[in-house]
Amino acid sequence: MNIFQWEERYDIGLPEIDAQHRTMIDMLNTLYAAKKSEQARQVVEETLDRLLYYTTVHFTDEEAAMQKLDYPHLDKQKNEHETMTQQVVKMRSRLQQGDDPVVFELLNFMSEWLKFHICESDRKFGDFVKERKQQL
């Protein structure tokens, strides 16, 4: 069982970003499986670190695409990304201090945040790109 099941409604119509979203979700599910099966803490932490790194890569790519297209809501997106990143870093710090249950809190936070962010903020960007293409 996964913590986050991909559904078509999460497609925003931008293949590269959609693929990155799927990868992030796969990584969330891998972290969930590692924690749920009580794998060694080191495995859980390494999986979490890979997920956090990939999330940073995704945010950078997404913001670069928005900047390139002069997306009017780029600052809002950056703020959402930064707020999420700060929250996850705080949880990661708690894990390093021995708060093992924080992994499930982090997984729930990230999966719910991603669902909302993809369906709301990222969808608006996808719609913006579609409108720009129609205008050309």
Protein backbone atom coordinates (compact mmCIF):
# COMPACT_ATOMS: atom_id res chain seq x y z
CA MET A 1 0.00 0.00 0.00
CA ASN A 2 1.20 3.51 -0.86
CA ILE A 3 0.79 6.75 1.02
CA PHE A 4 0.09 8.63 -2.24
CA GLN A 5 -1.56 7.08 -5.28
CA TRP A 6 -1.05 8.92 -8.58
CA GLU A 7 -4.28 9.86 -10.33
CA GLU A 8 -4.86 11.49 -13.69
CA ARG A 9 -6.19 14.60 -11.97
CA TYR A 10 -2.61 15.36 -10.91
CA ASP A 11 -1.49 15.78 -14.54
CA ILE A 12 -1.09 19.48 -15.25
CA GLY A 13 -0.36 18.98 -18.94
CA LEU A 14 3.38 19.74 -18.83
CA PRO A 15 5.16 16.41 -19.40
CA GLU A 16 8.47 17.26 -17.72
CA ILE A 17 6.81 18.65 -14.59
CA ASP A 18 4.26 15.82 -14.51
CA ALA A 19 7.13 13.30 -14.70
CA GLN A 20 8.92 15.02 -11.84
CA HIS A 21 5.74 14.99 -9.77
CA ARG A 22 5.41 11.25 -10.39
CA THR A 23 9.02 10.71 -9.35
CA MET A 24 8.48 12.67 -6.14
CA ILE A 25 5.40 10.59 -5.37
CA ASP A 26 7.32 7.36 -6.06
CA MET A 27 10.02 8.56 -3.68
CA LEU A 28 7.41 9.38 -1.01
CA ASN A 29 6.01 5.88 -1.40
CA THR A 30 9.51 4.36 -1.16
CA LEU A 31 10.14 6.30 2.05
CA TYR A 32 6.78 5.17 3.41
CA ALA A 33 7.57 1.53 2.61
CA ALA A 34 11.00 1.81 4.24
CA LYS A 35 9.58 3.29 7.42
CA LYS A 36 6.57 1.00 7.56
CA SER A 37 8.70 -2.13 7.17
CA GLU A 38 10.93 -0.82 9.96
CA GLN A 39 14.05 -0.80 7.85
CA ALA A 40 17.19 0.52 9.47
CA ARG A 41 17.06 4.16 10.43
CA GLN A 42 19.98 4.80 8.08
CA VAL A 43 17.93 3.53 5.11
CA VAL A 44 15.02 5.76 6.10
CA GLU A 45 17.29 8.79 6.46
CA GLU A 46 19.06 8.13 3.13
CA THR A 47 15.70 7.73 1.37
CA LEU A 48 14.46 10.94 2.95
CA ASP A 49 17.61 12.78 1.91
CA ARG A 50 17.19 11.63 -1.71
CA LEU A 51 13.57 12.81 -1.62
CA LEU A 52 14.53 16.20 -0.21
CA TYR A 53 17.28 16.64 -2.78
CA TYR A 54 14.94 15.72 -5.63
CA THR A 55 12.27 18.09 -4.30
CA THR A 56 14.82 20.93 -4.44
CA VAL A 57 15.73 19.99 -8.02
CA HIS A 58 12.05 19.93 -8.98
CA PHE A 59 11.33 23.32 -7.41
CA THR A 60 14.35 24.83 -9.18
CA ASP A 61 13.27 23.41 -12.56
CA GLU A 62 9.67 24.48 -12.08
CA GLU A 63 10.61 28.02 -11.06
CA ALA A 64 13.03 28.32 -13.99
CA ALA A 65 10.24 27.34 -16.41
CA MET A 66 7.96 29.91 -14.81
CA GLN A 67 10.59 32.62 -15.00
CA LYS A 68 11.32 31.82 -18.64
CA LEU A 69 7.64 32.30 -19.50
CA ASP A 70 7.27 35.39 -17.28
CA TYR A 71 4.63 33.65 -15.18
CA PRO A 72 2.80 36.32 -13.15
CA HIS A 73 2.46 34.12 -10.04
CA LEU A 74 6.12 33.09 -9.80
CA ASP A 75 6.66 34.87 -6.48
CA LYS A 76 3.68 33.06 -4.95
CA GLN A 77 5.06 29.72 -6.18
CA LYS A 78 8.51 30.49 -4.78
CA ASN A 79 6.96 31.38 -1.43
CA GLU A 80 4.96 28.13 -1.35
CA HIS A 81 8.07 26.13 -2.24
CA GLU A 82 10.16 27.88 0.41
CA THR A 83 7.52 27.42 3.11
CA MET A 84 7.22 23.72 2.35
CA THR A 85 10.99 23.27 2.27
CA GLN A 86 11.42 24.99 5.64
CA GLN A 87 8.76 22.77 7.20
CA VAL A 88 10.39 19.60 5.87
CA VAL A 89 13.84 20.72 7.01
CA LYS A 90 12.47 21.23 10.53
CA MET A 91 11.01 17.72 10.49
CA ARG A 92 14.29 16.31 9.15
CA SER A 93 16.07 17.98 12.06
CA ARG A 94 13.65 16.37 14.50
CA LEU A 95 14.42 12.98 12.95
CA GLN A 96 18.15 13.56 13.38
CA GLN A 97 17.47 14.32 17.06
CA GLY A 98 15.82 10.91 17.48
CA ASP A 99 12.16 11.72 16.84
CA ASP A 100 11.45 8.63 14.68
CA PRO A 101 7.64 9.10 14.57
CA VAL A 102 8.21 12.40 12.74
CA VAL A 103 8.74 10.38 9.53
CA PHE A 104 5.03 9.56 9.34
CA GLU A 105 4.17 13.19 10.12
CA LEU A 106 6.50 14.29 7.34
CA LEU A 107 5.04 11.79 4.88
CA ASN A 108 1.50 12.93 5.61
CA PHE A 109 2.51 16.58 5.38
CA MET A 110 4.34 16.15 2.07
CA SER A 111 1.66 14.03 0.43
CA GLU A 112 -1.16 16.41 1.43
CA TRP A 113 0.90 19.46 0.49
CA LEU A 114 1.76 17.98 -2.91
CA LYS A 115 -1.85 17.05 -3.65
CA PHE A 116 -3.00 20.58 -2.93
CA HIS A 117 -0.03 22.28 -4.60
CA ILE A 118 -0.28 20.22 -7.79
CA CYS A 119 -4.05 20.59 -8.11
CA GLU A 120 -4.08 24.30 -7.31
CA SER A 121 -0.84 26.19 -7.92
CA ASP A 122 0.82 23.96 -10.49
CA ARG A 123 -2.44 23.48 -12.40
CA LYS A 124 -2.69 27.27 -12.78
CA PHE A 125 0.78 27.26 -14.32
CA GLY A 126 -0.20 24.42 -16.66
CA ASP A 127 -3.28 26.39 -17.73
CA PHE A 128 -1.14 29.50 -18.22
CA VAL A 129 1.23 27.58 -20.53
CA LYS A 130 -1.70 26.17 -22.54
CA GLU A 131 -3.17 29.65 -22.97
CA ARG A 132 0.20 31.03 -24.13
CA LYS A 133 0.51 28.25 -26.71
CA GLN A 134 -2.98 29.01 -28.04
CA GLN A 135 -2.05 32.67 -28.42
CA LEU A 136 0.94 31.86 -30.63
